Amino acid sequence: MLTVHSIIGTIDEARFSGRAVERLAVESAEAARPRLRRLTDLGTDVALDLPRGSYLSDGAVLLDDGERIIVVARKPEDAAIVRFPRSRAREDLINDAVRLGHAFGNQHVPIEVEHGEVRIPVTTSREVVLDTVRSAGVGVDAVRFDRLALGRGRPLVAPSHGHGVGG
């Protein structure tokens, strides 16, 4: 077993060119975990013991032994892609986005905003996602489903809604 204690760079850095690439598949929900154990695509047993606050972004290099690098690869996962009408007033779009974030925050489901879309990991079922979008009362152009690599460069946003005392 290989133990990794730090992220040493990103795959696009010149110092890693020419190396064989071994990929460690990580889902978005696991990317902020400081401890994780997994096999790479070539079967290397890797245990992560990273500092708190580390984030396993897509392309993060975990090991360079001079011949190969071990790189984080974001695993595609089932996601809903919500697109809002561009013709709506900016204030209405913001209000709808906030309502949608609140609705999924109540379910403890993080969201991602990319390229004018809200991307939501399907943690229950597609039907529950569609019902949540409908019940939020937001005006959307379309909701579609696809397999996406979520949280590639930063963590998904986990909307907070204060369950505790004073929250």
C-alpha atoms as a PDB file:
ATOM      1  CA  MET A   1       0.000   0.000   0.000  1.00  0.00           C
ATOM      2  CA  LEU A   2       1.197   3.474  -0.913  1.00  0.00           C
ATOM      3  CA  THR A   3       0.390   6.271   1.574  1.00  0.00           C
ATOM      4  CA  VAL A   4       0.062   9.832   0.254  1.00  0.00           C
ATOM      5  CA  HIS A   5       0.375  12.782   2.648  1.00  0.00           C
ATOM      6  CA  SER A   6       0.078  15.746   0.265  1.00  0.00           C
ATOM      7  CA  ILE A   7      -1.046  16.947  -3.139  1.00  0.00           C
ATOM      8  CA  ILE A   8       2.118  17.837  -5.037  1.00  0.00           C
ATOM      9  CA  GLY A   9       0.747  19.648  -8.079  1.00  0.00           C
ATOM     10  CA  THR A  10      -1.524  19.382 -11.113  1.00  0.00           C
ATOM     11  CA  ILE A  11      -1.229  17.240 -14.195  1.00  0.00           C
ATOM     12  CA  ASP A  12      -0.818  20.240 -16.508  1.00  0.00           C
ATOM     13  CA  GLU A  13       2.506  21.278 -14.928  1.00  0.00           C
ATOM     14  CA  ALA A  14       5.516  20.885 -17.235  1.00  0.00           C
ATOM     15  CA  ARG A  15       7.510  18.984 -14.597  1.00  0.00           C
ATOM     16  CA  PHE A  16       5.116  16.017 -14.982  1.00  0.00           C
ATOM     17  CA  SER A  17       5.227  15.778 -18.785  1.00  0.00           C
ATOM     18  CA  GLY A  18       6.414  12.472 -20.205  1.00  0.00           C
ATOM     19  CA  ARG A  19       5.365  10.486 -17.144  1.00  0.00           C
ATOM     20  CA  ALA A  20       3.027   7.494 -17.351  1.00  0.00           C
ATOM     21  CA  VAL A  21      -0.325   8.414 -15.786  1.00  0.00           C
ATOM     22  CA  GLU A  22      -2.163   6.280 -13.275  1.00  0.00           C
ATOM     23  CA  ARG A  23      -5.632   7.514 -12.272  1.00  0.00           C
ATOM     24  CA  LEU A  24      -7.325   7.443  -8.872  1.00  0.00           C
ATOM     25  CA  ALA A  25     -11.098   7.788  -9.389  1.00  0.00           C
ATOM     26  CA  VAL A  26     -12.801   9.964  -6.762  1.00  0.00           C
ATOM     27  CA  GLU A  27     -16.447  11.073  -6.553  1.00  0.00           C
ATOM     28  CA  SER A  28     -17.300  14.687  -5.747  1.00  0.00           C
ATOM     29  CA  ALA A  29     -18.666  13.739  -2.306  1.00  0.00           C
ATOM     30  CA  GLU A  30     -15.307  12.156  -1.393  1.00  0.00           C
ATOM     31  CA  ALA A  31     -13.061  14.921  -2.721  1.00  0.00           C
ATOM     32  CA  ALA A  32     -12.802  16.843   0.563  1.00  0.00           C
ATOM     33  CA  ARG A  33     -12.132  13.774   2.696  1.00  0.00           C
ATOM     34  CA  PRO A  34      -8.610  13.837   4.149  1.00  0.00           C
ATOM     35  CA  ARG A  35      -8.548  10.047   4.472  1.00  0.00           C
ATOM     36  CA  LEU A  36      -9.487   7.681   1.697  1.00  0.00           C
ATOM     37  CA  ARG A  37      -8.278   4.313   0.453  1.00  0.00           C
ATOM     38  CA  ARG A  38      -8.744   3.223  -3.124  1.00  0.00           C
ATOM     39  CA  LEU A  39      -7.150   1.300  -6.007  1.00  0.00           C
ATOM     40  CA  THR A  40      -5.941   3.190  -9.077  1.00  0.00           C
ATOM     41  CA  ASP A  41      -6.990   2.188 -12.578  1.00  0.00           C
ATOM     42  CA  LEU A  42      -3.808   0.070 -12.750  1.00  0.00           C
ATOM     43  CA  GLY A  43      -4.356  -1.578  -9.364  1.00  0.00           C
ATOM     44  CA  THR A  44      -2.049   0.392  -7.068  1.00  0.00           C
ATOM     45  CA  ASP A  45      -3.427   0.435  -3.512  1.00  0.00           C
ATOM     46  CA  VAL A  46      -3.396   4.095  -2.393  1.00  0.00           C
ATOM     47  CA  ALA A  47      -4.217   5.391   1.081  1.00  0.00           C
ATOM     48  CA  LEU A  48      -4.673   9.140   1.442  1.00  0.00           C
ATOM     49  CA  ASP A  49      -3.789  10.827   4.723  1.00  0.00           C
ATOM     50  CA  LEU A  50      -3.993  14.489   3.712  1.00  0.00           C
ATOM     51  CA  PRO A  51      -4.041  17.676   5.796  1.00  0.00           C
ATOM     52  CA  ARG A  52      -7.489  18.978   6.790  1.00  0.00           C
ATOM     53  CA  GLY A  53      -8.867  21.327   4.153  1.00  0.00           C
ATOM     54  CA  SER A  54      -7.258  19.488   1.233  1.00  0.00           C
ATOM     55  CA  TYR A  55      -9.397  19.098  -1.882  1.00  0.00           C
ATOM     56  CA  LEU A  56      -8.890  16.359  -4.467  1.00  0.00           C
ATOM     57  CA  SER A  57      -9.564  18.345  -7.629  1.00  0.00           C
ATOM     58  CA  ASP A  58      -9.603  16.634 -11.007  1.00  0.00           C
ATOM     59  CA  GLY A  59      -5.989  16.451 -12.211  1.00  0.00           C
ATOM     60  CA  ALA A  60      -4.358  16.773  -8.768  1.00  0.00           C
ATOM     61  CA  VAL A  61      -1.059  14.886  -8.674  1.00  0.00           C
ATOM     62  CA  LEU A  62      -0.580  12.708  -5.609  1.00  0.00           C
ATOM     63  CA  LEU A  63       2.677  10.941  -6.474  1.00  0.00           C
ATOM     64  CA  ASP A  64       5.593  11.382  -8.852  1.00  0.00           C
ATOM     65  CA  ASP A  65       8.166   8.588  -8.716  1.00  0.00           C
ATOM     66  CA  GLY A  66      10.090   9.868 -11.724  1.00  0.00           C
ATOM     67  CA  GLU A  67       8.464   7.409 -14.135  1.00  0.00           C
ATOM     68  CA  ARG A  68       4.771   7.678 -13.336  1.00  0.00           C
ATOM     69  CA  ILE A  69       2.369  10.029 -11.651  1.00  0.00           C
ATOM     70  CA  ILE A  70      -0.798   9.159  -9.771  1.00  0.00           C
ATOM     71  CA  VAL A  71      -3.511  11.658 -10.630  1.00  0.00           C
ATOM     72  CA  VAL A  72      -7.004  12.264  -9.257  1.00  0.00           C
ATOM     73  CA  ALA A  73      -9.718  11.666 -11.859  1.00  0.00           C
ATOM     74  CA  ARG A  74     -13.205  12.841 -11.037  1.00  0.00           C
ATOM     75  CA  LYS A  75     -15.699   9.988 -11.433  1.00  0.00           C
ATOM     76  CA  PRO A  76     -18.773  10.788 -13.546  1.00  0.00           C
ATOM     77  CA  GLU A  77     -21.955  10.575 -11.490  1.00  0.00           C
ATOM     78  CA  ASP A  78     -25.667  10.834 -12.181  1.00  0.00           C
ATOM     79  CA  ALA A  79     -26.658  14.506 -12.105  1.00  0.00           C
ATOM     80  CA  ALA A  80     -29.550  16.781 -12.937  1.00  0.00           C
ATOM     81  CA  ILE A  81     -28.747  19.817 -15.054  1.00  0.00           C
ATOM     82  CA  VAL A  82     -31.162  22.709 -14.541  1.00  0.00           C
ATOM     83  CA  ARG A  83     -31.149  25.545 -17.059  1.00  0.00           C
ATOM     84  CA  PHE A  84     -32.970  28.807 -16.431  1.00  0.00           C
ATOM     85  CA  PRO A  85     -34.470  30.932 -19.250  1.00  0.00           C
ATOM     86  CA  ARG A  86     -31.976  33.618 -20.269  1.00  0.00           C
ATOM     87  CA  SER A  87     -34.838  35.948 -21.153  1.00  0.00           C
ATOM     88  CA  ARG A  88     -35.842  36.370 -17.480  1.00  0.00           C
ATOM     89  CA  ALA A  89     -34.853  39.429 -15.501  1.00  0.00           C
ATOM     90  CA  ARG A  90     -31.615  39.060 -13.545  1.00  0.00           C
ATOM     91  CA  GLU A  91     -33.382  39.543 -10.213  1.00  0.00           C
ATOM     92  CA  ASP A  92     -35.889  36.772 -11.043  1.00  0.00           C
ATOM     93  CA  LEU A  93     -33.048  34.433 -12.019  1.00  0.00           C
ATOM     94  CA  ILE A  94     -31.251  35.114  -8.754  1.00  0.00           C
ATOM     95  CA  ASN A  95     -34.428  34.550  -6.731  1.00  0.00           C
ATOM     96  CA  ASP A  96     -35.104  31.255  -8.536  1.00  0.00           C
ATOM     97  CA  ALA A  97     -31.516  30.084  -8.045  1.00  0.00           C
ATOM     98  CA  VAL A  98     -31.702  30.877  -4.325  1.00  0.00           C
ATOM     99  CA  ARG A  99     -35.041  29.031  -3.977  1.00  0.00           C
ATOM    100  CA  LEU A 100     -33.613  26.022  -5.813  1.00  0.00           C
ATOM    101  CA  GLY A 101     -30.497  26.046  -3.607  1.00  0.00           C
ATOM    102  CA  HIS A 102     -32.652  26.256  -0.493  1.00  0.00           C
ATOM    103  CA  ALA A 103     -34.859  23.352  -1.645  1.00  0.00           C
ATOM    104  CA  PHE A 104     -31.865  21.076  -2.185  1.00  0.00           C
ATOM    105  CA  GLY A 105     -30.155  22.395   0.943  1.00  0.00           C
ATOM    106  CA  ASN A 106     -33.135  21.140   2.947  1.00  0.00           C
ATOM    107  CA  GLN A 107     -32.283  17.683   1.579  1.00  0.00           C
ATOM    108  CA  HIS A 108     -28.565  18.195   2.364  1.00  0.00           C
ATOM    109  CA  VAL A 109     -27.735  17.880  -1.337  1.00  0.00           C
ATOM    110  CA  PRO A 110     -24.903  20.139  -2.517  1.00  0.00           C
ATOM    111  CA  ILE A 111     -25.134  21.922  -5.868  1.00  0.00           C
ATOM    112  CA  GLU A 112     -22.732  23.276  -8.458  1.00  0.00           C
ATOM    113  CA  VAL A 113     -23.144  26.260 -10.762  1.00  0.00           C
ATOM    114  CA  GLU A 114     -21.261  25.939 -14.056  1.00  0.00           C
ATOM    115  CA  HIS A 115     -21.789  27.677 -17.397  1.00  0.00           C
ATOM    116  CA  GLY A 116     -25.136  29.161 -16.381  1.00  0.00           C
ATOM    117  CA  GLU A 117     -26.515  25.800 -15.222  1.00  0.00           C
ATOM    118  CA  VAL A 118     -27.237  24.398 -11.782  1.00  0.00           C
ATOM    119  CA  ARG A 119     -25.884  20.865 -11.502  1.00  0.00           C
ATOM    120  CA  ILE A 120     -27.264  18.629  -8.791  1.00  0.00           C
ATOM    121  CA  PRO A 121     -25.956  15.166  -7.910  1.00  0.00           C
ATOM    122  CA  VAL A 122     -28.760  12.608  -7.860  1.00  0.00           C
ATOM    123  CA  THR A 123     -28.487  11.217  -4.334  1.00  0.00           C
ATOM    124  CA  THR A 124     -31.959   9.684  -4.194  1.00  0.00           C
ATOM    125  CA  SER A 125     -33.778   9.298  -7.513  1.00  0.00           C
ATOM    126  CA  ARG A 126     -34.443  11.340 -10.622  1.00  0.00           C
ATOM    127  CA  GLU A 127     -38.105  11.547  -9.636  1.00  0.00           C
ATOM    128  CA  VAL A 128     -37.241  13.124  -6.266  1.00  0.00           C
ATOM    129  CA  VAL A 129     -35.001  15.668  -8.017  1.00  0.00           C
ATOM    130  CA  LEU A 130     -37.775  16.594 -10.466  1.00  0.00           C
ATOM    131  CA  ASP A 131     -40.323  16.859  -7.639  1.00  0.00           C
ATOM    132  CA  THR A 132     -37.958  19.111  -5.687  1.00  0.00           C
ATOM    133  CA  VAL A 133     -37.448  21.417  -8.680  1.00  0.00           C
ATOM    134  CA  ARG A 134     -41.219  21.583  -9.265  1.00  0.00           C
ATOM    135  CA  SER A 135     -42.036  22.209  -5.592  1.00  0.00           C
ATOM    136  CA  ALA A 136     -39.440  25.016  -5.420  1.00  0.00           C
ATOM    137  CA  GLY A 137     -41.682  26.941  -7.818  1.00  0.00           C
ATOM    138  CA  VAL A 138     -38.863  28.101 -10.063  1.00  0.00           C
ATOM    139  CA  GLY A 139     -39.129  28.922 -13.754  1.00  0.00           C
ATOM    140  CA  VAL A 140     -36.738  26.645 -15.639  1.00  0.00           C
ATOM    141  CA  ASP A 141     -36.139  26.089 -19.336  1.00  0.00           C
ATOM    142  CA  ALA A 142     -35.285  22.443 -18.888  1.00  0.00           C
ATOM    143  CA  VAL A 143     -34.135  19.774 -16.483  1.00  0.00           C
ATOM    144  CA  ARG A 144     -32.084  17.006 -18.016  1.00  0.00           C
ATOM    145  CA  PHE A 145     -30.021  14.179 -16.595  1.00  0.00           C
ATOM    146  CA  ASP A 146     -26.535  13.077 -17.536  1.00  0.00           C
ATOM    147  CA  ARG A 147     -23.393  11.530 -16.078  1.00  0.00           C
ATOM    148  CA  LEU A 148     -21.019  14.351 -15.153  1.00  0.00           C
ATOM    149  CA  ALA A 149     -17.730  14.804 -13.346  1.00  0.00           C
ATOM    150  CA  LEU A 150     -18.926  17.173 -10.616  1.00  0.00           C
ATOM    151  CA  GLY A 151     -16.715  19.287  -8.372  1.00  0.00           C
ATOM    152  CA  ARG A 152     -13.762  19.097 -10.734  1.00  0.00           C
ATOM    153  CA  GLY A 153     -12.011  22.212  -9.471  1.00  0.00           C
ATOM    154  CA  ARG A 154     -13.758  23.109  -6.239  1.00  0.00           C
ATOM    155  CA  PRO A 155     -16.227  21.606  -3.772  1.00  0.00           C
ATOM    156  CA  LEU A 156     -19.928  21.659  -4.532  1.00  0.00           C
ATOM    157  CA  VAL A 157     -21.842  24.305  -2.597  1.00  0.00           C
ATOM    158  CA  ALA A 158     -23.676  22.877   0.371  1.00  0.00           C
ATOM    159  CA  PRO A 159     -26.447  25.391   1.045  1.00  0.00           C
ATOM    160  CA  SER A 160     -26.858  26.070   4.762  1.00  0.00           C
ATOM    161  CA  HIS A 161     -30.196  26.631   6.366  1.00  0.00           C
ATOM    162  CA  GLY A 162     -29.500  26.542  10.102  1.00  0.00           C
ATOM    163  CA  HIS A 163     -31.047  23.567  11.852  1.00  0.00           C
ATOM    164  CA  GLY A 164     -29.402  24.413  15.161  1.00  0.00           C
ATOM    165  CA  VAL A 165     -30.334  26.752  17.977  1.00  0.00           C
ATOM    166  CA  GLY A 166     -30.069  30.343  16.858  1.00  0.00           C
ATOM    167  CA  GLY A 167     -29.565  29.231  13.222  1.00  0.00           C
END
